[in-house]
Protein backbone atom coordinates (compact mmCIF):
# COMPACT_ATOMS: atom_id res chain seq x y z
CA MET A 1 42.27 52.30 -21.85
CA PHE A 2 40.95 50.07 -24.60
CA LEU A 3 43.29 47.29 -23.42
CA SER A 4 42.02 47.64 -19.84
CA LEU A 5 38.39 47.49 -20.99
CA ALA A 6 39.08 44.39 -23.08
CA LEU A 7 40.74 42.65 -20.12
CA ARG A 8 37.72 43.41 -17.93
CA ARG A 9 35.40 41.85 -20.52
CA ILE A 10 37.53 38.72 -20.73
CA VAL A 11 37.57 38.33 -16.93
CA THR A 12 33.79 38.87 -16.78
CA LEU A 13 33.22 36.27 -19.50
CA GLN A 14 35.46 33.73 -17.74
CA GLN A 15 33.65 34.24 -14.43
CA SER A 16 30.30 33.76 -16.19
CA GLN A 17 31.48 30.51 -17.76
CA ILE A 18 32.84 29.21 -14.44
CA HIS A 19 29.56 30.03 -12.68
CA SER A 20 27.53 28.33 -15.41
CA PHE A 21 29.62 25.16 -15.26
CA SER A 22 29.43 24.92 -11.49
CA THR A 23 25.63 24.47 -11.58
CA SER A 24 26.06 20.93 -12.93
CA ALA A 25 27.15 18.48 -10.25
CA VAL A 26 29.11 15.37 -11.19
CA LEU A 27 27.04 12.23 -10.79
CA PHE A 28 30.00 9.89 -11.09
CA LYS A 29 33.19 9.60 -13.12
CA GLY A 30 33.97 6.58 -15.22
CA LYS A 31 37.24 4.67 -14.86
CA ASN A 32 39.53 3.76 -17.70
CA ALA A 33 41.37 0.47 -18.04
CA GLY A 34 44.33 1.82 -16.04
CA GLY A 35 42.16 2.74 -13.09
CA GLY A 36 42.19 6.47 -13.82
CA GLU A 37 39.22 8.67 -14.62
CA SER A 38 37.87 8.48 -18.14
CA LYS A 39 37.07 11.61 -20.12
CA SER A 40 33.31 11.11 -19.87
CA SER A 41 31.55 12.18 -16.65
CA LYS A 42 27.87 11.92 -15.95
CA ARG A 43 26.14 14.91 -14.36
CA ILE A 44 23.25 15.14 -11.94
CA LEU A 45 20.39 16.95 -13.61
CA SER A 46 17.60 18.73 -11.79
CA ASP A 47 14.09 17.36 -12.24
CA ALA A 48 13.28 20.37 -14.41
CA ASP A 49 16.30 19.83 -16.68
CA LEU A 50 15.66 16.10 -16.89
CA SER A 51 12.00 16.66 -17.77
CA ALA A 52 12.88 19.31 -20.35
CA THR A 53 15.33 16.98 -22.09
CA SER A 54 13.29 13.78 -21.99
CA ASN A 55 9.63 13.02 -21.28
CA GLN A 56 10.54 9.75 -19.55
CA TRP A 57 11.09 11.20 -16.07
CA PRO A 58 7.66 12.84 -15.47
CA LEU A 59 5.95 9.55 -16.30
CA LEU A 60 8.37 7.53 -14.19
CA LYS A 61 8.02 9.87 -11.21
CA THR A 62 4.24 9.55 -11.35
CA GLN A 63 4.53 5.75 -11.41
CA TYR A 64 7.07 5.64 -8.58
CA ASP A 65 4.91 7.88 -6.39
CA LYS A 66 1.89 5.65 -7.02
CA PHE A 67 3.92 2.58 -6.07
CA LEU A 68 4.89 4.18 -2.75
CA ILE A 69 1.23 4.99 -2.06
CA GLU A 70 0.29 1.41 -2.98
CA LEU A 71 2.82 -0.02 -0.53
CA ARG A 72 1.65 2.22 2.31
CA GLU A 73 -1.97 1.24 1.65
CA LEU A 74 -1.12 -2.46 1.56
CA TYR A 75 0.66 -2.12 4.89
CA SER A 76 -2.17 -0.16 6.50
CA LYS A 77 -4.81 -2.70 5.42
CA GLN A 78 -3.09 -6.06 5.23
CA ILE A 79 -0.01 -5.98 7.44
CA GLN A 80 -1.62 -5.37 10.81
CA LEU A 81 -1.39 -7.22 14.10
CA ARG A 82 -5.17 -7.14 14.40
CA THR A 83 -7.10 -8.06 11.25
CA SER A 84 -10.19 -6.01 10.40
CA SER A 85 -12.96 -6.70 7.89
CA LEU A 86 -11.57 -3.85 5.75
CA ALA A 87 -8.49 -5.94 5.01
CA PHE A 88 -10.71 -8.57 3.37
CA GLU A 89 -13.23 -6.22 1.77
CA GLU A 90 -10.59 -4.35 -0.24
CA LEU A 91 -8.53 -7.41 -1.07
CA SER A 92 -7.74 -7.48 -4.80
CA VAL A 93 -8.96 -10.66 -6.52
CA THR A 94 -7.98 -11.39 -10.13
CA ILE A 95 -10.91 -12.90 -12.04
CA PRO A 96 -10.71 -14.93 -15.28
CA PRO A 97 -10.95 -14.91 -18.21
CA ASN A 98 -9.75 -11.31 -18.69
CA LYS A 99 -7.77 -11.32 -15.41
CA LYS A 100 -9.48 -8.15 -14.25
CA ALA A 101 -8.94 -7.21 -10.60
CA HIS A 102 -11.97 -6.82 -8.34
CA GLN A 103 -12.22 -6.01 -4.67
CA LEU A 104 -13.53 -8.95 -2.68
CA LYS A 105 -16.49 -6.90 -1.43
CA GLU A 106 -17.67 -6.64 -5.06
CA LEU A 107 -18.05 -10.43 -5.17
CA THR A 108 -19.46 -11.21 -1.76
CA GLN A 109 -20.11 -10.00 1.77
CA ILE A 110 -17.56 -10.52 4.54
CA ILE A 111 -19.20 -11.40 7.86
CA GLN A 112 -17.45 -11.29 11.23
CA LYS A 113 -18.78 -14.28 13.17
CA SER A 114 -16.64 -13.59 16.25
CA PRO A 115 -13.57 -11.50 17.19
CA GLN A 116 -11.40 -14.37 15.91
CA MET A 117 -13.43 -15.51 12.88
CA PHE A 118 -14.57 -14.01 9.58
CA MET A 119 -16.76 -15.80 7.04
CA ILE A 120 -17.18 -15.41 3.28
CA ASP A 121 -20.21 -16.87 1.51
CA MET A 122 -19.24 -17.60 -2.11
CA ALA A 123 -22.50 -19.33 -3.13
CA ARG A 124 -23.25 -16.68 -5.80
CA HIS A 125 -19.75 -16.84 -7.29
CA ALA A 126 -18.58 -20.35 -6.45
CA GLN A 127 -16.49 -20.50 -9.64
CA TYR A 128 -14.20 -17.82 -8.21
CA ILE A 129 -13.42 -19.61 -4.95
CA PRO A 130 -9.91 -20.68 -6.13
CA ASN A 131 -9.16 -17.06 -7.09
CA VAL A 132 -10.32 -15.76 -3.71
CA LEU A 133 -8.26 -18.37 -1.85
CA GLU A 134 -5.20 -17.47 -3.90
CA ALA A 135 -5.67 -13.75 -3.20
CA ILE A 136 -5.94 -14.39 0.55
CA GLN A 137 -2.85 -16.59 0.60
CA LYS A 138 -0.80 -13.98 -1.31
CA SER A 139 -2.12 -11.00 0.65
CA GLY A 140 0.40 -11.09 3.46
CA LEU A 141 -2.41 -11.23 6.04
CA ASN A 142 -0.97 -14.43 7.53
CA ILE A 143 -4.44 -15.98 7.38
CA ASN A 144 -5.02 -19.69 6.78
CA PRO A 145 -8.41 -19.88 4.97
CA GLN A 146 -10.58 -22.95 5.52
CA GLN A 147 -13.13 -23.93 2.86
CA ASP A 148 -16.38 -25.75 3.59
CA GLY A 149 -18.38 -26.07 0.38
CA THR A 150 -19.04 -22.54 -0.87
CA THR A 151 -18.15 -20.99 2.48
CA ILE A 152 -14.66 -19.76 3.37
CA PHE A 153 -13.77 -19.35 7.04
CA LEU A 154 -10.98 -16.95 7.98
CA PRO A 155 -9.63 -17.52 11.50
CA THR A 156 -7.55 -14.56 12.67
CA PRO A 157 -4.34 -15.58 14.46
CA LYS A 158 -3.45 -14.55 17.98
CA VAL A 159 -0.80 -11.86 18.37
CA THR A 160 2.16 -14.09 19.15
CA ARG A 161 5.85 -13.58 18.42
CA GLU A 162 5.53 -16.06 15.57
CA HIS A 163 2.64 -14.06 14.09
CA ARG A 164 4.66 -10.84 14.32
CA GLU A 165 7.64 -12.44 12.57
CA GLU A 166 5.43 -13.87 9.83
CA LEU A 167 3.88 -10.46 9.19
CA ALA A 168 7.36 -8.91 9.07
CA LYS A 169 8.34 -11.46 6.40
CA ASN A 170 5.19 -10.66 4.45
CA ALA A 171 5.98 -6.95 4.70
CA LYS A 172 9.28 -7.66 2.96
CA LYS A 173 7.55 -9.71 0.25
CA LEU A 174 5.17 -6.85 -0.54
CA ALA A 175 8.05 -4.35 -0.58
CA ASP A 176 10.02 -6.61 -2.93
CA GLN A 177 7.02 -6.72 -5.28
CA ILE A 178 6.92 -2.92 -5.35
CA VAL A 179 10.65 -2.77 -6.14
CA VAL A 180 10.10 -5.19 -9.04
CA LYS A 181 7.38 -2.89 -10.39
CA MET A 182 9.73 0.09 -10.12
CA ARG A 183 12.53 -1.74 -11.93
CA GLU A 184 10.13 -2.79 -14.69
CA ALA A 185 9.00 0.82 -15.11
CA TYR A 186 12.63 1.98 -15.28
CA SER A 187 13.48 -0.73 -17.85
CA LYS A 188 10.65 0.45 -20.08
CA ALA A 189 11.85 4.06 -19.81
CA HIS A 190 15.40 2.90 -20.57
CA ARG A 191 14.22 1.19 -23.77
CA ASN A 192 12.24 4.26 -24.80
CA LEU A 193 15.27 6.45 -24.16
CA LYS A 194 17.41 4.28 -26.43
CA LYS A 195 14.92 4.92 -29.22
CA GLN A 196 15.77 8.65 -29.10
CA GLU A 197 19.25 8.11 -30.55
CA LYS A 198 18.29 10.02 -33.70
CA SER A 199 17.33 13.16 -31.80
CA LEU A 200 19.79 13.00 -28.88
CA SER A 201 23.53 12.42 -28.78
CA ARG A 202 24.89 9.21 -27.31
CA ASP A 203 26.52 11.09 -24.43
CA MET A 204 23.22 12.81 -23.64
CA ILE A 205 21.38 9.47 -23.59
CA VAL A 206 24.02 8.04 -21.24
CA ASP A 207 23.63 11.07 -18.94
CA LEU A 208 19.84 10.86 -18.96
CA ASP A 209 19.83 7.13 -18.29
CA ALA A 210 22.29 7.55 -15.41
CA ASN A 211 20.00 10.17 -13.90
CA LEU A 212 16.95 7.93 -14.27
CA LYS A 213 18.88 5.09 -12.60
CA LEU A 214 19.91 7.40 -9.75
CA ARG A 215 16.28 8.33 -9.13
CA LEU A 216 15.27 4.67 -9.22
CA ASP A 217 17.84 3.96 -6.51
CA ASN A 218 16.48 6.86 -4.45
CA TYR A 219 12.93 5.52 -4.67
CA ILE A 220 14.07 2.00 -3.77
CA SER A 221 15.70 3.54 -0.69
CA GLN A 222 12.32 5.02 0.21
CA VAL A 223 10.71 1.59 -0.16
CA ASP A 224 13.37 0.15 2.15
CA LYS A 225 12.68 2.87 4.73
CA ILE A 226 8.92 2.22 4.65
CA ARG A 227 9.55 -1.52 4.99
CA THR A 228 11.99 -1.26 7.90
CA ASP A 229 9.70 1.14 9.76
CA LYS A 230 6.80 -1.28 9.34
CA GLN A 231 8.85 -4.26 10.44
CA LYS A 232 10.05 -2.37 13.51
CA GLU A 233 6.44 -1.50 14.35
CA LEU A 234 5.41 -5.15 14.03
CA LEU A 235 8.28 -6.63 16.01
CA ASP A 236 8.84 -4.00 18.69
CA SER A 237 5.34 -2.77 19.56
CA THR A 238 3.77 -3.79 22.86
CA PHE A 239 0.32 -4.23 21.30
């Protein structure tokens, strides 16, 4: 009887251990020099487990989410077939000497002279004209600004196939800039994670970093999806 009870306890313990192990999925398995699997495997951690082990992920996730919002807002305001005054009003202009960003509407008023022409009067802030011109050229709006003294004229292009293709290229440029920001945020988290070698084992740091990299790849995939959807809208719409 005692032997039977002991066997039951052993079986129960083994089942519990098997169930516990199965909750950790394998992220990927390393290869040794002979092409076989190495002893070390990296496991996919849930967001909760990753956050509980390292404070890098909550911060990264917040940054990544903000970058996605930023890209969507840039597309909705600046990558449009028909340009509105809002696209110019909320254009970010970097002002010297502290390189602080200001919306263009904080510096001047944008006037729509006709359906195909906007005008900016920079008389009050003439020293910032080069900064405004640079912001317009980098905006992705596909606008060719024309300066006459302290006045900047902004002719809006007709919706031609060439205009659509140029906007699609600009959509990719903006998406690439967001990906760069995401990679920079990941690199900073990676460096911070390496500094935890005194409190975490090397294997744990490798696992955590692999999970952070996996999430970076997932967010980059989201950026790619937003970009391709926007490009399809620009190139295929009948507007």
